[in-house]
Amino acid sequence: MVAFVAGLVVYIGLAGAFQIITGDEAVDNVWMRVPLMGVVLTTAVAGVLAGGAAASAVFRRGERSALAFLALIVLVFIAIVFVGELVGHE
């Protein structure tokens, strides 16, 4: 869960810094797109792993902590965004 949040902070920081320095969108620049996508994929993997661990804790051991449910919400969010991106692009 911490890796997911850290990845989001790094992604937003990189994109924001690039936009402030150049005045251009980071995803429009080919040289900046690759590092940003690496951060996004790493963040997504961290979120999925956190969600999987949380699902295991909730359903197998009956964990009831808020952090476990927050990780499940992250997993659902990543799944919705991933499917939305797949369906949304033509």
PDB file of N, CA and C in Angstrom:
ATOM      1  N   MET A   1       0.826  -1.177   0.000  1.00  0.00           N
ATOM      2  CA  MET A   1       0.000   0.000   0.000  1.00  0.00           C
ATOM      3  C   MET A   1       0.877   1.250   0.000  1.00  0.00           C
ATOM      4  N   VAL A   2       1.953   1.213   0.752  1.00  0.00           N
ATOM      5  CA  VAL A   2       2.872   2.348   0.801  1.00  0.00           C
ATOM      6  C   VAL A   2       3.539   2.540  -0.559  1.00  0.00           C
ATOM      7  N   ALA A   3       3.890   1.443  -1.218  1.00  0.00           N
ATOM      8  CA  ALA A   3       4.506   1.543  -2.543  1.00  0.00           C
ATOM      9  C   ALA A   3       3.540   2.148  -3.552  1.00  0.00           C
ATOM     10  N   PHE A   4       2.259   1.830  -3.433  1.00  0.00           N
ATOM     11  CA  PHE A   4       1.253   2.396  -4.329  1.00  0.00           C
ATOM     12  C   PHE A   4       1.160   3.912  -4.135  1.00  0.00           C
ATOM     13  N   VAL A   5       1.076   4.348  -2.900  1.00  0.00           N
ATOM     14  CA  VAL A   5       0.978   5.785  -2.612  1.00  0.00           C
ATOM     15  C   VAL A   5       2.262   6.494  -3.040  1.00  0.00           C
ATOM     16  N   ALA A   6       3.410   5.894  -2.771  1.00  0.00           N
ATOM     17  CA  ALA A   6       4.679   6.490  -3.179  1.00  0.00           C
ATOM     18  C   ALA A   6       4.767   6.603  -4.694  1.00  0.00           C
ATOM     19  N   GLY A   7       4.293   5.597  -5.406  1.00  0.00           N
ATOM     20  CA  GLY A   7       4.283   5.651  -6.868  1.00  0.00           C
ATOM     21  C   GLY A   7       3.398   6.755  -7.403  1.00  0.00           C
ATOM     22  N   LEU A   8       2.245   6.946  -6.785  1.00  0.00           N
ATOM     23  CA  LEU A   8       1.368   8.049  -7.201  1.00  0.00           C
ATOM     24  C   LEU A   8       2.033   9.397  -6.970  1.00  0.00           C
ATOM     25  N   VAL A   9       2.689   9.547  -5.831  1.00  0.00           N
ATOM     26  CA  VAL A   9       3.364  10.809  -5.521  1.00  0.00           C
ATOM     27  C   VAL A   9       4.485  11.065  -6.523  1.00  0.00           C
ATOM     28  N   VAL A  10       5.267  10.048  -6.843  1.00  0.00           N
ATOM     29  CA  VAL A  10       6.358  10.198  -7.809  1.00  0.00           C
ATOM     30  C   VAL A  10       5.801  10.544  -9.189  1.00  0.00           C
ATOM     31  N   TYR A  11       4.749   9.869  -9.614  1.00  0.00           N
ATOM     32  CA  TYR A  11       4.155  10.132 -10.930  1.00  0.00           C
ATOM     33  C   TYR A  11       3.650  11.568 -11.027  1.00  0.00           C
ATOM     34  N   ILE A  12       2.893  11.998 -10.031  1.00  0.00           N
ATOM     35  CA  ILE A  12       2.349  13.362 -10.046  1.00  0.00           C
ATOM     36  C   ILE A  12       3.477  14.382  -9.964  1.00  0.00           C
ATOM     37  N   GLY A  13       4.487  14.086  -9.168  1.00  0.00           N
ATOM     38  CA  GLY A  13       5.630  14.990  -9.057  1.00  0.00           C
ATOM     39  C   GLY A  13       6.401  15.118 -10.356  1.00  0.00           C
ATOM     40  N   LEU A  14       6.672  14.002 -11.026  1.00  0.00           N
ATOM     41  CA  LEU A  14       7.383  14.049 -12.304  1.00  0.00           C
ATOM     42  C   LEU A  14       6.594  14.797 -13.369  1.00  0.00           C
ATOM     43  N   ALA A  15       5.311  14.470 -13.479  1.00  0.00           N
ATOM     44  CA  ALA A  15       4.479  15.118 -14.498  1.00  0.00           C
ATOM     45  C   ALA A  15       4.345  16.611 -14.215  1.00  0.00           C
ATOM     46  N   GLY A  16       4.143  16.969 -12.950  1.00  0.00           N
ATOM     47  CA  GLY A  16       4.017  18.376 -12.587  1.00  0.00           C
ATOM     48  C   GLY A  16       5.308  19.152 -12.811  1.00  0.00           C
ATOM     49  N   ALA A  17       6.436  18.570 -12.427  1.00  0.00           N
ATOM     50  CA  ALA A  17       7.725  19.241 -12.609  1.00  0.00           C
ATOM     51  C   ALA A  17       8.022  19.443 -14.094  1.00  0.00           C
ATOM     52  N   PHE A  18       7.733  18.440 -14.908  1.00  0.00           N
ATOM     53  CA  PHE A  18       7.971  18.563 -16.341  1.00  0.00           C
ATOM     54  C   PHE A  18       7.098  19.667 -16.935  1.00  0.00           C
ATOM     55  N   GLN A  19       5.859  19.743 -16.506  1.00  0.00           N
ATOM     56  CA  GLN A  19       4.957  20.761 -17.030  1.00  0.00           C
ATOM     57  C   GLN A  19       5.383  22.159 -16.578  1.00  0.00           C
ATOM     58  N   ILE A  20       5.850  22.297 -15.358  1.00  0.00           N
ATOM     59  CA  ILE A  20       6.306  23.600 -14.870  1.00  0.00           C
ATOM     60  C   ILE A  20       7.566  24.040 -15.609  1.00  0.00           C
ATOM     61  N   ILE A  21       8.506  23.115 -15.809  1.00  0.00           N
ATOM     62  CA  ILE A  21       9.775  23.464 -16.434  1.00  0.00           C
ATOM     63  C   ILE A  21       9.604  23.787 -17.917  1.00  0.00           C
ATOM     64  N   THR A  22       8.860  22.963 -18.641  1.00  0.00           N
ATOM     65  CA  THR A  22       8.772  23.123 -20.091  1.00  0.00           C
ATOM     66  C   THR A  22       7.492  23.806 -20.551  1.00  0.00           C
ATOM     67  N   GLY A  23       6.453  23.799 -19.739  1.00  0.00           N
ATOM     68  CA  GLY A  23       5.177  24.353 -20.169  1.00  0.00           C
ATOM     69  C   GLY A  23       4.422  23.418 -21.100  1.00  0.00           C
ATOM     70  N   ASP A  24       4.875  22.179 -21.207  1.00  0.00           N
ATOM     71  CA  ASP A  24       4.266  21.193 -22.104  1.00  0.00           C
ATOM     72  C   ASP A  24       3.762  20.013 -21.279  1.00  0.00           C
ATOM     73  N   GLU A  25       2.793  19.294 -21.812  1.00  0.00           N
ATOM     74  CA  GLU A  25       2.288  18.104 -21.136  1.00  0.00           C
ATOM     75  C   GLU A  25       3.339  16.997 -21.190  1.00  0.00           C
ATOM     76  N   ALA A  26       3.550  16.306 -20.079  1.00  0.00           N
ATOM     77  CA  ALA A  26       4.574  15.264 -20.020  1.00  0.00           C
ATOM     78  C   ALA A  26       4.222  14.070 -20.883  1.00  0.00           C
ATOM     79  N   VAL A  27       2.933  13.722 -20.983  1.00  0.00           N
ATOM     80  CA  VAL A  27       2.568  12.536 -21.763  1.00  0.00           C
ATOM     81  C   VAL A  27       2.642  12.796 -23.254  1.00  0.00           C
ATOM     82  N   ASP A  28       2.732  14.062 -23.673  1.00  0.00           N
ATOM     83  CA  ASP A  28       2.888  14.377 -25.087  1.00  0.00           C
ATOM     84  C   ASP A  28       4.337  14.271 -25.537  1.00  0.00           C
ATOM     85  N   ASN A  29       5.268  14.294 -24.605  1.00  0.00           N
ATOM     86  CA  ASN A  29       6.684  14.235 -24.914  1.00  0.00           C
ATOM     87  C   ASN A  29       7.141  12.777 -24.906  1.00  0.00           C
ATOM     88  N   VAL A  30       7.749  12.345 -26.004  1.00  0.00           N
ATOM     89  CA  VAL A  30       8.171  10.946 -26.138  1.00  0.00           C
ATOM     90  C   VAL A  30       9.216  10.575 -25.095  1.00  0.00           C
ATOM     91  N   TRP A  31      10.144  11.488 -24.783  1.00  0.00           N
ATOM     92  CA  TRP A  31      11.220  11.166 -23.851  1.00  0.00           C
ATOM     93  C   TRP A  31      10.740  11.089 -22.412  1.00  0.00           C
ATOM     94  N   MET A  32       9.626  11.746 -22.099  1.00  0.00           N
ATOM     95  CA  MET A  32       9.104  11.704 -20.738  1.00  0.00           C
ATOM     96  C   MET A  32       8.047  10.615 -20.575  1.00  0.00           C
ATOM     97  N   ARG A  33       7.457  10.171 -21.676  1.00  0.00           N
ATOM     98  CA  ARG A  33       6.380   9.184 -21.600  1.00  0.00           C
ATOM     99  C   ARG A  33       6.862   7.844 -21.063  1.00  0.00           C
ATOM    100  N   VAL A  34       8.032   7.408 -21.457  1.00  0.00           N
ATOM    101  CA  VAL A  34       8.539   6.093 -21.034  1.00  0.00           C
ATOM    102  C   VAL A  34       8.768   6.032 -19.515  1.00  0.00           C
ATOM    103  N   PRO A  35       9.473   7.018 -18.915  1.00  0.00           N
ATOM    104  CA  PRO A  35       9.617   6.952 -17.449  1.00  0.00           C
ATOM    105  C   PRO A  35       8.280   7.051 -16.721  1.00  0.00           C
ATOM    106  N   LEU A  36       7.374   7.878 -17.227  1.00  0.00           N
ATOM    107  CA  LEU A  36       6.063   7.997 -16.582  1.00  0.00           C
ATOM    108  C   LEU A  36       5.296   6.686 -16.656  1.00  0.00           C
ATOM    109  N   MET A  37       5.347   6.008 -17.791  1.00  0.00           N
ATOM    110  CA  MET A  37       4.644   4.730 -17.912  1.00  0.00           C
ATOM    111  C   MET A  37       5.286   3.673 -17.033  1.00  0.00           C
ATOM    112  N   GLY A  38       6.602   3.748 -16.852  1.00  0.00           N
ATOM    113  CA  GLY A  38       7.268   2.819 -15.928  1.00  0.00           C
ATOM    114  C   GLY A  38       6.787   3.025 -14.501  1.00  0.00           C
ATOM    115  N   VAL A  39       6.638   4.283 -14.106  1.00  0.00           N
ATOM    116  CA  VAL A  39       6.132   4.583 -12.759  1.00  0.00           C
ATOM    117  C   VAL A  39       4.687   4.124 -12.629  1.00  0.00           C
ATOM    118  N   VAL A  40       3.872   4.365 -13.671  1.00  0.00           N
ATOM    119  CA  VAL A  40       2.463   3.960 -13.626  1.00  0.00           C
ATOM    120  C   VAL A  40       2.340   2.440 -13.518  1.00  0.00           C
ATOM    121  N   LEU A  41       3.102   1.705 -14.312  1.00  0.00           N
ATOM    122  CA  LEU A  41       3.019   0.239 -14.267  1.00  0.00           C
ATOM    123  C   LEU A  41       3.504  -0.300 -12.918  1.00  0.00           C
ATOM    124  N   THR A  42       4.580   0.256 -12.391  1.00  0.00           N
ATOM    125  CA  THR A  42       5.074  -0.174 -11.091  1.00  0.00           C
ATOM    126  C   THR A  42       4.046   0.116 -10.003  1.00  0.00           C
ATOM    127  N   THR A  43       3.422   1.291 -10.088  1.00  0.00           N
ATOM    128  CA  THR A  43       2.397   1.665  -9.112  1.00  0.00           C
ATOM    129  C   THR A  43       1.191   0.742  -9.211  1.00  0.00           C
ATOM    130  N   ALA A  44       0.782   0.422 -10.439  1.00  0.00           N
ATOM    131  CA  ALA A  44      -0.358  -0.476 -10.627  1.00  0.00           C
ATOM    132  C   ALA A  44      -0.059  -1.868 -10.077  1.00  0.00           C
ATOM    133  N   VAL A  45       1.135  -2.360 -10.319  1.00  0.00           N
ATOM    134  CA  VAL A  45       1.510  -3.679  -9.789  1.00  0.00           C
ATOM    135  C   VAL A  45       1.507  -3.663  -8.265  1.00  0.00           C
ATOM    136  N   ALA A  46       2.032  -2.582  -7.671  1.00  0.00           N
ATOM    137  CA  ALA A  46       2.034  -2.473  -6.207  1.00  0.00           C
ATOM    138  C   ALA A  46       0.609  -2.441  -5.662  1.00  0.00           C
ATOM    139  N   GLY A  47      -0.282  -1.729  -6.345  1.00  0.00           N
ATOM    140  CA  GLY A  47      -1.679  -1.677  -5.918  1.00  0.00           C
ATOM    141  C   GLY A  47      -2.373  -3.016  -6.025  1.00  0.00           C
ATOM    142  N   VAL A  48      -2.108  -3.730  -7.111  1.00  0.00           N
ATOM    143  CA  VAL A  48      -2.718  -5.054  -7.287  1.00  0.00           C
ATOM    144  C   VAL A  48      -2.202  -6.025  -6.229  1.00  0.00           C
ATOM    145  N   LEU A  49      -0.900  -5.994  -5.962  1.00  0.00           N
ATOM    146  CA  LEU A  49      -0.350  -6.878  -4.932  1.00  0.00           C
ATOM    147  C   LEU A  49      -0.892  -6.539  -3.544  1.00  0.00           C
ATOM    148  N   ALA A  50      -1.033  -5.241  -3.249  1.00  0.00           N
ATOM    149  CA  ALA A  50      -1.609  -4.835  -1.963  1.00  0.00           C
ATOM    150  C   ALA A  50      -3.056  -5.289  -1.869  1.00  0.00           C
ATOM    151  N   GLY A  51      -3.805  -5.153  -2.963  1.00  0.00           N
ATOM    152  CA  GLY A  51      -5.197  -5.598  -2.975  1.00  0.00           C
ATOM    153  C   GLY A  51      -5.312  -7.106  -2.833  1.00  0.00           C
ATOM    154  N   GLY A  52      -4.406  -7.844  -3.481  1.00  0.00           N
ATOM    155  CA  GLY A  52      -4.413  -9.302  -3.345  1.00  0.00           C
ATOM    156  C   GLY A  52      -4.102  -9.750  -1.929  1.00  0.00           C
ATOM    157  N   ALA A  53      -3.125  -9.090  -1.315  1.00  0.00           N
ATOM    158  CA  ALA A  53      -2.804  -9.412   0.079  1.00  0.00           C
ATOM    159  C   ALA A  53      -3.968  -9.065   1.000  1.00  0.00           C
ATOM    160  N   ALA A  54      -4.618  -7.946   0.718  1.00  0.00           N
ATOM    161  CA  ALA A  54      -5.765  -7.553   1.540  1.00  0.00           C
ATOM    162  C   ALA A  54      -6.931  -8.514   1.357  1.00  0.00           C
ATOM    163  N   ALA A  55      -7.175  -8.935   0.121  1.00  0.00           N
ATOM    164  CA  ALA A  55      -8.254  -9.896  -0.122  1.00  0.00           C
ATOM    165  C   ALA A  55      -7.985 -11.200   0.608  1.00  0.00           C
ATOM    166  N   SER A  56      -6.730 -11.626   0.577  1.00  0.00           N
ATOM    167  CA  SER A  56      -6.362 -12.839   1.304  1.00  0.00           C
ATOM    168  C   SER A  56      -6.592 -12.670   2.799  1.00  0.00           C
ATOM    169  N   ALA A  57      -6.203 -11.523   3.333  1.00  0.00           N
ATOM    170  CA  ALA A  57      -6.370 -11.280   4.767  1.00  0.00           C
ATOM    171  C   ALA A  57      -7.837 -11.190   5.158  1.00  0.00           C
ATOM    172  N   VAL A  58      -8.637 -10.529   4.328  1.00  0.00           N
ATOM    173  CA  VAL A  58     -10.053 -10.340   4.661  1.00  0.00           C
ATOM    174  C   VAL A  58     -10.815 -11.651   4.568  1.00  0.00           C
ATOM    175  N   PHE A  59     -10.617 -12.392   3.492  1.00  0.00           N
ATOM    176  CA  PHE A  59     -11.444 -13.578   3.261  1.00  0.00           C
ATOM    177  C   PHE A  59     -10.919 -14.841   3.936  1.00  0.00           C
ATOM    178  N   ARG A  60      -9.612 -14.977   4.094  1.00  0.00           N
ATOM    179  CA  ARG A  60      -9.083 -16.198   4.711  1.00  0.00           C
ATOM    180  C   ARG A  60      -8.982 -16.102   6.226  1.00  0.00           C
ATOM    181  N   ARG A  61      -8.588 -14.923   6.719  1.00  0.00           N
ATOM    182  CA  ARG A  61      -8.359 -14.788   8.151  1.00  0.00           C
ATOM    183  C   ARG A  61      -9.379 -13.911   8.852  1.00  0.00           C
ATOM    184  N   GLY A  62     -10.312 -13.340   8.101  1.00  0.00           N
ATOM    185  CA  GLY A  62     -11.332 -12.512   8.718  1.00  0.00           C
ATOM    186  C   GLY A  62     -10.831 -11.172   9.214  1.00  0.00           C
ATOM    187  N   GLU A  63      -9.816 -10.644   8.568  1.00  0.00           N
ATOM    188  CA  GLU A  63      -9.263  -9.337   8.963  1.00  0.00           C
ATOM    189  C   GLU A  63     -10.322  -8.252   8.784  1.00  0.00           C
ATOM    190  N   ARG A  64     -10.408  -7.340   9.739  1.00  0.00           N
ATOM    191  CA  ARG A  64     -11.420  -6.292   9.690  1.00  0.00           C
ATOM    192  C   ARG A  64     -10.825  -4.897   9.815  1.00  0.00           C
ATOM    193  N   SER A  65      -9.543  -4.737   9.548  1.00  0.00           N
ATOM    194  CA  SER A  65      -8.929  -3.417   9.696  1.00  0.00           C
ATOM    195  C   SER A  65      -9.260  -2.526   8.501  1.00  0.00           C
ATOM    196  N   ALA A  66      -9.234  -1.239   8.732  1.00  0.00           N
ATOM    197  CA  ALA A  66      -9.553  -0.270   7.679  1.00  0.00           C
ATOM    198  C   ALA A  66      -8.498  -0.292   6.581  1.00  0.00           C
ATOM    199  N   LEU A  67      -7.249  -0.572   6.937  1.00  0.00           N
ATOM    200  CA  LEU A  67      -6.189  -0.604   5.941  1.00  0.00           C
ATOM    201  C   LEU A  67      -6.407  -1.723   4.932  1.00  0.00           C
ATOM    202  N   ALA A  68      -6.887  -2.864   5.385  1.00  0.00           N
ATOM    203  CA  ALA A  68      -7.168  -3.967   4.471  1.00  0.00           C
ATOM    204  C   ALA A  68      -8.286  -3.594   3.499  1.00  0.00           C
ATOM    205  N   PHE A  69      -9.309  -2.949   4.000  1.00  0.00           N
ATOM    206  CA  PHE A  69     -10.395  -2.547   3.115  1.00  0.00           C
ATOM    207  C   PHE A  69      -9.962  -1.430   2.166  1.00  0.00           C
ATOM    208  N   LEU A  70      -9.073  -0.553   2.618  1.00  0.00           N
ATOM    209  CA  LEU A  70      -8.544   0.486   1.742  1.00  0.00           C
ATOM    210  C   LEU A  70      -7.746  -0.133   0.597  1.00  0.00           C
ATOM    211  N   ALA A  71      -6.965  -1.158   0.890  1.00  0.00           N
ATOM    212  CA  ALA A  71      -6.215  -1.848  -0.160  1.00  0.00           C
ATOM    213  C   ALA A  71      -7.154  -2.544  -1.133  1.00  0.00           C
ATOM    214  N   LEU A  72      -8.265  -3.071  -0.656  1.00  0.00           N
ATOM    215  CA  LEU A  72      -9.250  -3.658  -1.573  1.00  0.00           C
ATOM    216  C   LEU A  72      -9.859  -2.599  -2.480  1.00  0.00           C
ATOM    217  N   ILE A  73     -10.100  -1.423  -1.942  1.00  0.00           N
ATOM    218  CA  ILE A  73     -10.630  -0.328  -2.752  1.00  0.00           C
ATOM    219  C   ILE A  73      -9.621   0.068  -3.827  1.00  0.00           C
ATOM    220  N   VAL A  74      -8.339   0.094  -3.486  1.00  0.00           N
ATOM    221  CA  VAL A  74      -7.297   0.394  -4.466  1.00  0.00           C
ATOM    222  C   VAL A  74      -7.308  -0.654  -5.572  1.00  0.00           C
ATOM    223  N   LEU A  75      -7.439  -1.916  -5.221  1.00  0.00           N
ATOM    224  CA  LEU A  75      -7.484  -2.981  -6.220  1.00  0.00           C
ATOM    225  C   LEU A  75      -8.664  -2.791  -7.163  1.00  0.00           C
ATOM    226  N   VAL A  76      -9.820  -2.486  -6.634  1.00  0.00           N
ATOM    227  CA  VAL A  76     -11.006  -2.269  -7.475  1.00  0.00           C
ATOM    228  C   VAL A  76     -10.810  -1.038  -8.358  1.00  0.00           C
ATOM    229  N   PHE A  77     -10.231   0.025  -7.802  1.00  0.00           N
ATOM    230  CA  PHE A  77      -9.980   1.240  -8.570  1.00  0.00           C
ATOM    231  C   PHE A  77      -9.049   0.954  -9.743  1.00  0.00           C
ATOM    232  N   ILE A  78      -7.978   0.220  -9.510  1.00  0.00           N
ATOM    233  CA  ILE A  78      -7.031  -0.096 -10.581  1.00  0.00           C
ATOM    234  C   ILE A  78      -7.712  -0.946 -11.651  1.00  0.00           C
ATOM    235  N   ALA A  79      -8.524  -1.894 -11.238  1.00  0.00           N
ATOM    236  CA  ALA A  79      -9.234  -2.729 -12.212  1.00  0.00           C
ATOM    237  C   ALA A  79     -10.183  -1.886 -13.056  1.00  0.00           C
ATOM    238  N   ILE A  80     -10.919  -0.972 -12.439  1.00  0.00           N
ATOM    239  CA  ILE A  80     -11.852  -0.126 -13.181  1.00  0.00           C
ATOM    240  C   ILE A  80     -11.109   0.778 -14.160  1.00  0.00           C
ATOM    241  N   VAL A  81     -10.020   1.389 -13.719  1.00  0.00           N
ATOM    242  CA  VAL A  81      -9.252   2.262 -14.601  1.00  0.00           C
ATOM    243  C   VAL A  81      -8.656   1.464 -15.757  1.00  0.00           C
ATOM    244  N   PHE A  82      -8.120   0.293 -15.469  1.00  0.00           N
ATOM    245  CA  PHE A  82      -7.506  -0.530 -16.525  1.00  0.00           C
ATOM    246  C   PHE A  82      -8.550  -0.943 -17.563  1.00  0.00           C
ATOM    247  N   VAL A  83      -9.690  -1.424 -17.127  1.00  0.00           N
ATOM    248  CA  VAL A  83     -10.740  -1.822 -18.065  1.00  0.00           C
ATOM    249  C   VAL A  83     -11.267  -0.606 -18.819  1.00  0.00           C
ATOM    250  N   GLY A  84     -11.429   0.522 -18.112  1.00  0.00           N
ATOM    251  CA  GLY A  84     -11.898   1.747 -18.774  1.00  0.00           C
ATOM    252  C   GLY A  84     -10.953   2.210 -19.844  1.00  0.00           C
ATOM    253  N   GLU A  85      -9.659   2.109 -19.617  1.00  0.00           N
ATOM    254  CA  GLU A  85      -8.679   2.488 -20.624  1.00  0.00           C
ATOM    255  C   GLU A  85      -8.695   1.530 -21.809  1.00  0.00           C
ATOM    256  N   LEU A  86      -8.887   0.241 -21.537  1.00  0.00           N
ATOM    257  CA  LEU A  86      -8.947  -0.713 -22.638  1.00  0.00           C
ATOM    258  C   LEU A  86     -10.161  -0.484 -23.517  1.00  0.00           C
ATOM    259  N   VAL A  87     -11.293  -0.203 -22.902  1.00  0.00           N
ATOM    260  CA  VAL A  87     -12.539  -0.027 -23.643  1.00  0.00           C
ATOM    261  C   VAL A  87     -12.591   1.363 -24.287  1.00  0.00           C
ATOM    262  N   GLY A  88     -12.023   2.366 -23.634  1.00  0.00           N
ATOM    263  CA  GLY A  88     -12.145   3.737 -24.087  1.00  0.00           C
ATOM    264  C   GLY A  88     -11.354   4.083 -25.326  1.00  0.00           C
ATOM    265  N   HIS A  89     -10.252   3.406 -25.587  1.00  0.00           N
ATOM    266  CA  HIS A  89      -9.415   3.722 -26.744  1.00  0.00           C
ATOM    267  C   HIS A  89      -9.871   2.944 -27.961  1.00  0.00           C
ATOM    268  N   GLU A  90      -9.889   3.653 -29.073  1.00  0.00           N
ATOM    269  CA  GLU A  90     -10.345   2.999 -30.314  1.00  0.00           C
ATOM    270  C   GLU A  90      -9.177   2.612 -31.176  1.00  0.00           C
TER     271      GLU A  90
END
